[in-house]
Amino acid sequence: MTYTIGIDIGSGAVKTVLFRVEGDNAEWLAKRSERIRRRDPMTLAEEGRDGVLADAGLSPEDVDYIATTGEGENVKFATGHFYS
């Protein structure tokens, strides 16, 4: 079993999801979405990560992979970034 977080930093919002993956099955455990407005997207990414982990009762050490998309390539705690 692995835990994966996905973070998308778009032009208007930061969206974060947490999945538990076991074999071919993925279960969506938690999600967060915050409008950026005049806030720092990197701070919102960190808050989103912490929020989905708290919702699921997990810690950062439990997570196996953190993927980012959009403007998330500068997220320091990410494991990888997907380009379109």
PDB file of N, CA and C in Angstrom:
ATOM      1  N   MET A   1       0.845  -1.168   0.000  1.00  0.00           N
ATOM      2  CA  MET A   1       0.000   0.000   0.000  1.00  0.00           C
ATOM      3  C   MET A   1       0.894   1.236   0.000  1.00  0.00           C
ATOM      4  N   THR A   2       0.541   2.199  -0.836  1.00  0.00           N
ATOM      5  CA  THR A   2       1.285   3.455  -0.901  1.00  0.00           C
ATOM      6  C   THR A   2       0.307   4.626  -0.811  1.00  0.00           C
ATOM      7  N   TYR A   3       0.835   5.751  -0.368  1.00  0.00           N
ATOM      8  CA  TYR A   3       0.061   6.991  -0.314  1.00  0.00           C
ATOM      9  C   TYR A   3       0.700   7.988  -1.266  1.00  0.00           C
ATOM     10  N   THR A   4      -0.136   8.619  -2.079  1.00  0.00           N
ATOM     11  CA  THR A   4       0.327   9.573  -3.082  1.00  0.00           C
ATOM     12  C   THR A   4      -0.486  10.852  -2.962  1.00  0.00           C
ATOM     13  N   ILE A   5       0.207  11.977  -3.068  1.00  0.00           N
ATOM     14  CA  ILE A   5      -0.454  13.285  -3.079  1.00  0.00           C
ATOM     15  C   ILE A   5      -0.232  13.917  -4.445  1.00  0.00           C
ATOM     16  N   GLY A   6      -1.278  14.520  -4.980  1.00  0.00           N
ATOM     17  CA  GLY A   6      -1.180  15.305  -6.199  1.00  0.00           C
ATOM     18  C   GLY A   6      -1.526  16.749  -5.888  1.00  0.00           C
ATOM     19  N   ILE A   7      -0.702  17.664  -6.386  1.00  0.00           N
ATOM     20  CA  ILE A   7      -0.928  19.095  -6.157  1.00  0.00           C
ATOM     21  C   ILE A   7      -0.894  19.809  -7.504  1.00  0.00           C
ATOM     22  N   ASP A   8      -1.974  20.515  -7.820  1.00  0.00           N
ATOM     23  CA  ASP A   8      -2.031  21.313  -9.044  1.00  0.00           C
ATOM     24  C   ASP A   8      -2.090  22.781  -8.659  1.00  0.00           C
ATOM     25  N   ILE A   9      -1.096  23.526  -9.124  1.00  0.00           N
ATOM     26  CA  ILE A   9      -1.102  24.973  -8.906  1.00  0.00           C
ATOM     27  C   ILE A   9      -1.483  25.628 -10.227  1.00  0.00           C
ATOM     28  N   GLY A  10      -2.704  26.124 -10.270  1.00  0.00           N
ATOM     29  CA  GLY A  10      -3.200  26.786 -11.463  1.00  0.00           C
ATOM     30  C   GLY A  10      -3.114  28.293 -11.325  1.00  0.00           C
ATOM     31  N   SER A  11      -3.742  28.989 -12.252  1.00  0.00           N
ATOM     32  CA  SER A  11      -3.687  30.450 -12.209  1.00  0.00           C
ATOM     33  C   SER A  11      -4.617  31.029 -11.152  1.00  0.00           C
ATOM     34  N   GLY A  12      -5.642  30.261 -10.747  1.00  0.00           N
ATOM     35  CA  GLY A  12      -6.595  30.792  -9.790  1.00  0.00           C
ATOM     36  C   GLY A  12      -6.749  30.001  -8.508  1.00  0.00           C
ATOM     37  N   ALA A  13      -6.251  28.760  -8.490  1.00  0.00           N
ATOM     38  CA  ALA A  13      -6.452  27.924  -7.302  1.00  0.00           C
ATOM     39  C   ALA A  13      -5.348  26.882  -7.181  1.00  0.00           C
ATOM     40  N   VAL A  14      -5.174  26.403  -5.950  1.00  0.00           N
ATOM     41  CA  VAL A  14      -4.276  25.284  -5.663  1.00  0.00           C
ATOM     42  C   VAL A  14      -5.164  24.132  -5.217  1.00  0.00           C
ATOM     43  N   LYS A  15      -5.067  23.008  -5.938  1.00  0.00           N
ATOM     44  CA  LYS A  15      -5.889  21.843  -5.637  1.00  0.00           C
ATOM     45  C   LYS A  15      -4.982  20.705  -5.180  1.00  0.00           C
ATOM     46  N   THR A  16      -5.375  20.018  -4.109  1.00  0.00           N
ATOM     47  CA  THR A  16      -4.567  18.957  -3.521  1.00  0.00           C
ATOM     48  C   THR A  16      -5.447  17.738  -3.281  1.00  0.00           C
ATOM     49  N   VAL A  17      -4.937  16.549  -3.648  1.00  0.00           N
ATOM     50  CA  VAL A  17      -5.659  15.300  -3.404  1.00  0.00           C
ATOM     51  C   VAL A  17      -4.709  14.281  -2.793  1.00  0.00           C
ATOM     52  N   LEU A  18      -5.267  13.369  -2.013  1.00  0.00           N
ATOM     53  CA  LEU A  18      -4.505  12.289  -1.394  1.00  0.00           C
ATOM     54  C   LEU A  18      -5.163  10.971  -1.768  1.00  0.00           C
ATOM     55  N   PHE A  19      -4.346  10.027  -2.264  1.00  0.00           N
ATOM     56  CA  PHE A  19      -4.821   8.697  -2.642  1.00  0.00           C
ATOM     57  C   PHE A  19      -4.069   7.623  -1.878  1.00  0.00           C
ATOM     58  N   ARG A  20      -4.779   6.538  -1.583  1.00  0.00           N
ATOM     59  CA  ARG A  20      -4.133   5.313  -1.107  1.00  0.00           C
ATOM     60  C   ARG A  20      -4.200   4.331  -2.267  1.00  0.00           C
ATOM     61  N   VAL A  21      -3.054   3.787  -2.654  1.00  0.00           N
ATOM     62  CA  VAL A  21      -2.982   2.867  -3.786  1.00  0.00           C
ATOM     63  C   VAL A  21      -2.563   1.499  -3.273  1.00  0.00           C
ATOM     64  N   GLU A  22      -3.351   0.499  -3.652  1.00  0.00           N
ATOM     65  CA  GLU A  22      -3.056  -0.876  -3.278  1.00  0.00           C
ATOM     66  C   GLU A  22      -3.259  -1.731  -4.518  1.00  0.00           C
ATOM     67  N   GLY A  23      -2.151  -2.198  -5.103  1.00  0.00           N
ATOM     68  CA  GLY A  23      -2.239  -2.955  -6.348  1.00  0.00           C
ATOM     69  C   GLY A  23      -2.801  -2.076  -7.449  1.00  0.00           C
ATOM     70  N   ASP A  24      -3.884  -2.550  -8.083  1.00  0.00           N
ATOM     71  CA  ASP A  24      -4.533  -1.791  -9.154  1.00  0.00           C
ATOM     72  C   ASP A  24      -5.653  -0.890  -8.643  1.00  0.00           C
ATOM     73  N   ASN A  25      -5.858  -0.864  -7.346  1.00  0.00           N
ATOM     74  CA  ASN A  25      -6.952  -0.083  -6.768  1.00  0.00           C
ATOM     75  C   ASN A  25      -6.433   1.199  -6.126  1.00  0.00           C
ATOM     76  N   ALA A  26      -7.110   2.301  -6.427  1.00  0.00           N
ATOM     77  CA  ALA A  26      -6.774   3.593  -5.818  1.00  0.00           C
ATOM     78  C   ALA A  26      -8.008   4.119  -5.100  1.00  0.00           C
ATOM     79  N   GLU A  27      -7.806   4.573  -3.882  1.00  0.00           N
ATOM     80  CA  GLU A  27      -8.897   5.132  -3.095  1.00  0.00           C
ATOM     81  C   GLU A  27      -8.592   6.596  -2.786  1.00  0.00           C
ATOM     82  N   TRP A  28      -9.540   7.442  -3.109  1.00  0.00           N
ATOM     83  CA  TRP A  28      -9.414   8.873  -2.873  1.00  0.00           C
ATOM     84  C   TRP A  28      -9.729   9.123  -1.404  1.00  0.00           C
ATOM     85  N   LEU A  29      -8.740   9.605  -0.633  1.00  0.00           N
ATOM     86  CA  LEU A  29      -8.907   9.776   0.806  1.00  0.00           C
ATOM     87  C   LEU A  29      -9.294  11.188   1.218  1.00  0.00           C
ATOM     88  N   ALA A  30      -8.749  12.194   0.545  1.00  0.00           N
ATOM     89  CA  ALA A  30      -9.009  13.580   0.951  1.00  0.00           C
ATOM     90  C   ALA A  30      -8.716  14.522  -0.201  1.00  0.00           C
ATOM     91  N   LYS A  31      -9.349  15.698  -0.170  1.00  0.00           N
ATOM     92  CA  LYS A  31      -9.082  16.723  -1.183  1.00  0.00           C
ATOM     93  C   LYS A  31      -9.220  18.096  -0.556  1.00  0.00           C
ATOM     94  N   ARG A  32      -8.516  19.040  -1.129  1.00  0.00           N
ATOM     95  CA  ARG A  32      -8.575  20.451  -0.720  1.00  0.00           C
ATOM     96  C   ARG A  32      -8.484  21.307  -1.978  1.00  0.00           C
ATOM     97  N   SER A  33      -9.125  22.444  -1.961  1.00  0.00           N
ATOM     98  CA  SER A  33      -9.011  23.416  -3.043  1.00  0.00           C
ATOM     99  C   SER A  33      -9.072  24.808  -2.428  1.00  0.00           C
ATOM    100  N   GLU A  34      -8.065  25.603  -2.724  1.00  0.00           N
ATOM    101  CA  GLU A  34      -7.999  26.970  -2.187  1.00  0.00           C
ATOM    102  C   GLU A  34      -7.772  27.948  -3.329  1.00  0.00           C
ATOM    103  N   ARG A  35      -8.603  28.975  -3.395  1.00  0.00           N
ATOM    104  CA  ARG A  35      -8.371  30.036  -4.375  1.00  0.00           C
ATOM    105  C   ARG A  35      -7.135  30.817  -3.958  1.00  0.00           C
ATOM    106  N   ILE A  36      -6.339  31.193  -4.940  1.00  0.00           N
ATOM    107  CA  ILE A  36      -5.081  31.876  -4.647  1.00  0.00           C
ATOM    108  C   ILE A  36      -5.323  33.307  -4.181  1.00  0.00           C
ATOM    109  N   ARG A  37      -6.147  34.030  -4.913  1.00  0.00           N
ATOM    110  CA  ARG A  37      -6.370  35.450  -4.645  1.00  0.00           C
ATOM    111  C   ARG A  37      -5.028  36.160  -4.506  1.00  0.00           C
ATOM    112  N   ARG A  38      -4.716  36.740  -3.394  1.00  0.00           N
ATOM    113  CA  ARG A  38      -3.429  37.444  -3.247  1.00  0.00           C
ATOM    114  C   ARG A  38      -2.479  36.688  -2.328  1.00  0.00           C
ATOM    115  N   ARG A  39      -2.666  35.383  -2.227  1.00  0.00           N
ATOM    116  CA  ARG A  39      -1.830  34.576  -1.334  1.00  0.00           C
ATOM    117  C   ARG A  39      -0.717  33.885  -2.118  1.00  0.00           C
ATOM    118  N   ASP A  40       0.280  33.412  -1.405  1.00  0.00           N
ATOM    119  CA  ASP A  40       1.425  32.740  -2.013  1.00  0.00           C
ATOM    120  C   ASP A  40       1.053  31.303  -2.379  1.00  0.00           C
ATOM    121  N   PRO A  41       1.131  30.929  -3.666  1.00  0.00           N
ATOM    122  CA  PRO A  41       0.767  29.572  -4.079  1.00  0.00           C
ATOM    123  C   PRO A  41       1.604  28.481  -3.406  1.00  0.00           C
ATOM    124  N   MET A  42       2.874  28.739  -3.133  1.00  0.00           N
ATOM    125  CA  MET A  42       3.718  27.726  -2.494  1.00  0.00           C
ATOM    126  C   MET A  42       3.276  27.478  -1.049  1.00  0.00           C
ATOM    127  N   THR A  43       2.860  28.533  -0.376  1.00  0.00           N
ATOM    128  CA  THR A  43       2.322  28.379   0.980  1.00  0.00           C
ATOM    129  C   THR A  43       1.013  27.599   0.939  1.00  0.00           C
ATOM    130  N   LEU A  44       0.165  27.892  -0.044  1.00  0.00           N
ATOM    131  CA  LEU A  44      -1.094  27.164  -0.184  1.00  0.00           C
ATOM    132  C   LEU A  44      -0.851  25.695  -0.509  1.00  0.00           C
ATOM    133  N   ALA A  45       0.193  25.401  -1.285  1.00  0.00           N
ATOM    134  CA  ALA A  45       0.533  24.003  -1.586  1.00  0.00           C
ATOM    135  C   ALA A  45       0.910  23.262  -0.308  1.00  0.00           C
ATOM    136  N   GLU A  46       1.705  23.896   0.525  1.00  0.00           N
ATOM    137  CA  GLU A  46       2.106  23.273   1.790  1.00  0.00           C
ATOM    138  C   GLU A  46       0.900  23.098   2.718  1.00  0.00           C
ATOM    139  N   GLU A  47       0.050  24.105   2.784  1.00  0.00           N
ATOM    140  CA  GLU A  47      -1.151  24.007   3.611  1.00  0.00           C
ATOM    141  C   GLU A  47      -2.093  22.927   3.084  1.00  0.00           C
ATOM    142  N   GLY A  48      -2.185  22.799   1.764  1.00  0.00           N
ATOM    143  CA  GLY A  48      -3.014  21.751   1.168  1.00  0.00           C
ATOM    144  C   GLY A  48      -2.497  20.370   1.505  1.00  0.00           C
ATOM    145  N   ARG A  49      -1.176  20.185   1.386  1.00  0.00           N
ATOM    146  CA  ARG A  49      -0.560  18.904   1.758  1.00  0.00           C
ATOM    147  C   ARG A  49      -0.850  18.582   3.220  1.00  0.00           C
ATOM    148  N   ASP A  50      -0.597  19.546   4.099  1.00  0.00           N
ATOM    149  CA  ASP A  50      -0.820  19.323   5.528  1.00  0.00           C
ATOM    150  C   ASP A  50      -2.297  19.056   5.822  1.00  0.00           C
ATOM    151  N   GLY A  51      -3.172  19.724   5.095  1.00  0.00           N
ATOM    152  CA  GLY A  51      -4.610  19.555   5.310  1.00  0.00           C
ATOM    153  C   GLY A  51      -5.119  18.179   4.929  1.00  0.00           C
ATOM    154  N   VAL A  52      -4.724  17.679   3.743  1.00  0.00           N
ATOM    155  CA  VAL A  52      -5.198  16.346   3.346  1.00  0.00           C
ATOM    156  C   VAL A  52      -4.607  15.270   4.245  1.00  0.00           C
ATOM    157  N   LEU A  53      -3.366  15.467   4.690  1.00  0.00           N
ATOM    158  CA  LEU A  53      -2.767  14.499   5.612  1.00  0.00           C
ATOM    159  C   LEU A  53      -3.518  14.491   6.943  1.00  0.00           C
ATOM    160  N   ALA A  54      -3.849  15.663   7.457  1.00  0.00           N
ATOM    161  CA  ALA A  54      -4.601  15.747   8.715  1.00  0.00           C
ATOM    162  C   ALA A  54      -5.980  15.112   8.566  1.00  0.00           C
ATOM    163  N   ASP A  55      -6.636  15.359   7.432  1.00  0.00           N
ATOM    164  CA  ASP A  55      -7.960  14.777   7.189  1.00  0.00           C
ATOM    165  C   ASP A  55      -7.917  13.253   7.221  1.00  0.00           C
ATOM    166  N   ALA A  56      -6.811  12.669   6.743  1.00  0.00           N
ATOM    167  CA  ALA A  56      -6.672  11.209   6.671  1.00  0.00           C
ATOM    168  C   ALA A  56      -5.960  10.623   7.887  1.00  0.00           C
ATOM    169  N   GLY A  57      -5.505  11.476   8.798  1.00  0.00           N
ATOM    170  CA  GLY A  57      -4.796  10.994   9.976  1.00  0.00           C
ATOM    171  C   GLY A  57      -3.410  10.456   9.671  1.00  0.00           C
ATOM    172  N   LEU A  58      -2.751  11.042   8.664  1.00  0.00           N
ATOM    173  CA  LEU A  58      -1.417  10.605   8.249  1.00  0.00           C
ATOM    174  C   LEU A  58      -0.391  11.697   8.511  1.00  0.00           C
ATOM    175  N   SER A  59       0.880  11.335   8.416  1.00  0.00           N
ATOM    176  CA  SER A  59       1.972  12.299   8.550  1.00  0.00           C
ATOM    177  C   SER A  59       2.745  12.346   7.235  1.00  0.00           C
ATOM    178  N   PRO A  60       3.567  13.372   7.019  1.00  0.00           N
ATOM    179  CA  PRO A  60       4.350  13.451   5.777  1.00  0.00           C
ATOM    180  C   PRO A  60       5.227  12.219   5.542  1.00  0.00           C
ATOM    181  N   GLU A  61       5.679  11.583   6.605  1.00  0.00           N
ATOM    182  CA  GLU A  61       6.527  10.400   6.468  1.00  0.00           C
ATOM    183  C   GLU A  61       5.772   9.207   5.895  1.00  0.00           C
ATOM    184  N   ASP A  62       4.443   9.220   5.950  1.00  0.00           N
ATOM    185  CA  ASP A  62       3.629   8.127   5.411  1.00  0.00           C
ATOM    186  C   ASP A  62       3.506   8.188   3.892  1.00  0.00           C
ATOM    187  N   VAL A  63       3.823   9.328   3.296  1.00  0.00           N
ATOM    188  CA  VAL A  63       3.599   9.549   1.864  1.00  0.00           C
ATOM    189  C   VAL A  63       4.794   9.057   1.056  1.00  0.00           C
ATOM    190  N   ASP A  64       4.478   8.296  -0.005  1.00  0.00           N
ATOM    191  CA  ASP A  64       5.515   7.732  -0.860  1.00  0.00           C
ATOM    192  C   ASP A  64       5.863   8.626  -2.044  1.00  0.00           C
ATOM    193  N   TYR A  65       4.904   9.411  -2.524  1.00  0.00           N
ATOM    194  CA  TYR A  65       5.148  10.218  -3.720  1.00  0.00           C
ATOM    195  C   TYR A  65       4.277  11.464  -3.672  1.00  0.00           C
ATOM    196  N   ILE A  66       4.842  12.597  -4.049  1.00  0.00           N
ATOM    197  CA  ILE A  66       4.093  13.847  -4.182  1.00  0.00           C
ATOM    198  C   ILE A  66       4.354  14.389  -5.577  1.00  0.00           C
ATOM    199  N   ALA A  67       3.295  14.405  -6.388  1.00  0.00           N
ATOM    200  CA  ALA A  67       3.400  14.876  -7.767  1.00  0.00           C
ATOM    201  C   ALA A  67       2.754  16.249  -7.890  1.00  0.00           C
ATOM    202  N   THR A  68       3.356  17.098  -8.700  1.00  0.00           N
ATOM    203  CA  THR A  68       2.790  18.418  -8.953  1.00  0.00           C
ATOM    204  C   THR A  68       2.514  18.591 -10.436  1.00  0.00           C
ATOM    205  N   THR A  69       1.599  19.498 -10.738  1.00  0.00           N
ATOM    206  CA  THR A  69       1.304  19.889 -12.116  1.00  0.00           C
ATOM    207  C   THR A  69       1.148  21.404 -12.137  1.00  0.00           C
ATOM    208  N   GLY A  70       0.971  21.929 -13.333  1.00  0.00           N
ATOM    209  CA  GLY A  70       0.794  23.370 -13.471  1.00  0.00           C
ATOM    210  C   GLY A  70       2.058  24.107 -13.067  1.00  0.00           C
ATOM    211  N   GLU A  71       1.897  25.108 -12.217  1.00  0.00           N
ATOM    212  CA  GLU A  71       3.030  25.911 -11.754  1.00  0.00           C
ATOM    213  C   GLU A  71       3.717  25.287 -10.542  1.00  0.00           C
ATOM    214  N   GLY A  72       3.432  24.023 -10.269  1.00  0.00           N
ATOM    215  CA  GLY A  72       3.950  23.368  -9.083  1.00  0.00           C
ATOM    216  C   GLY A  72       5.370  22.864  -9.156  1.00  0.00           C
ATOM    217  N   GLU A  73       6.076  23.131 -10.247  1.00  0.00           N
ATOM    218  CA  GLU A  73       7.444  22.614 -10.362  1.00  0.00           C
ATOM    219  C   GLU A  73       8.397  23.204  -9.323  1.00  0.00           C
ATOM    220  N   ASN A  74       8.018  24.282  -8.668  1.00  0.00           N
ATOM    221  CA  ASN A  74       8.875  24.895  -7.649  1.00  0.00           C
ATOM    222  C   ASN A  74       8.518  24.487  -6.221  1.00  0.00           C
ATOM    223  N   VAL A  75       7.603  23.539  -6.067  1.00  0.00           N
ATOM    224  CA  VAL A  75       7.240  23.046  -4.736  1.00  0.00           C
ATOM    225  C   VAL A  75       8.408  22.217  -4.218  1.00  0.00           C
ATOM    226  N   LYS A  76       9.029  22.668  -3.153  1.00  0.00           N
ATOM    227  CA  LYS A  76      10.275  22.065  -2.661  1.00  0.00           C
ATOM    228  C   LYS A  76      10.110  20.641  -2.147  1.00  0.00           C
ATOM    229  N   PHE A  77       8.956  20.300  -1.602  1.00  0.00           N
ATOM    230  CA  PHE A  77       8.767  18.971  -1.029  1.00  0.00           C
ATOM    231  C   PHE A  77       8.213  17.957  -2.027  1.00  0.00           C
ATOM    232  N   ALA A  78       8.021  18.367  -3.289  1.00  0.00           N
ATOM    233  CA  ALA A  78       7.497  17.456  -4.310  1.00  0.00           C
ATOM    234  C   ALA A  78       8.545  16.419  -4.700  1.00  0.00           C
ATOM    235  N   THR A  79       8.054  15.242  -5.067  1.00  0.00           N
ATOM    236  CA  THR A  79       8.921  14.169  -5.540  1.00  0.00           C
ATOM    237  C   THR A  79       9.096  14.249  -7.052  1.00  0.00           C
ATOM    238  N   GLY A  80       8.053  14.709  -7.763  1.00  0.00           N
ATOM    239  CA  GLY A  80       8.112  14.810  -9.214  1.00  0.00           C
ATOM    240  C   GLY A  80       7.120  15.830  -9.730  1.00  0.00           C
ATOM    241  N   HIS A  81       7.292  16.211 -11.001  1.00  0.00           N
ATOM    242  CA  HIS A  81       6.412  17.192 -11.638  1.00  0.00           C
ATOM    243  C   HIS A  81       6.014  16.670 -13.004  1.00  0.00           C
ATOM    244  N   PHE A  82       4.745  16.840 -13.370  1.00  0.00           N
ATOM    245  CA  PHE A  82       4.247  16.421 -14.672  1.00  0.00           C
ATOM    246  C   PHE A  82       4.049  17.647 -15.549  1.00  0.00           C
ATOM    247  N   TYR A  83       4.661  17.625 -16.712  1.00  0.00           N
ATOM    248  CA  TYR A  83       4.520  18.706 -17.686  1.00  0.00           C
ATOM    249  C   TYR A  83       3.506  18.281 -18.735  1.00  0.00           C
ATOM    250  N   SER A  84       2.725  19.231 -19.242  1.00  0.00           N
ATOM    251  CA  SER A  84       1.755  18.885 -20.281  1.00  0.00           C
ATOM    252  C   SER A  84       2.275  19.244 -21.646  1.00  0.00           C
TER     253      SER A  84
END
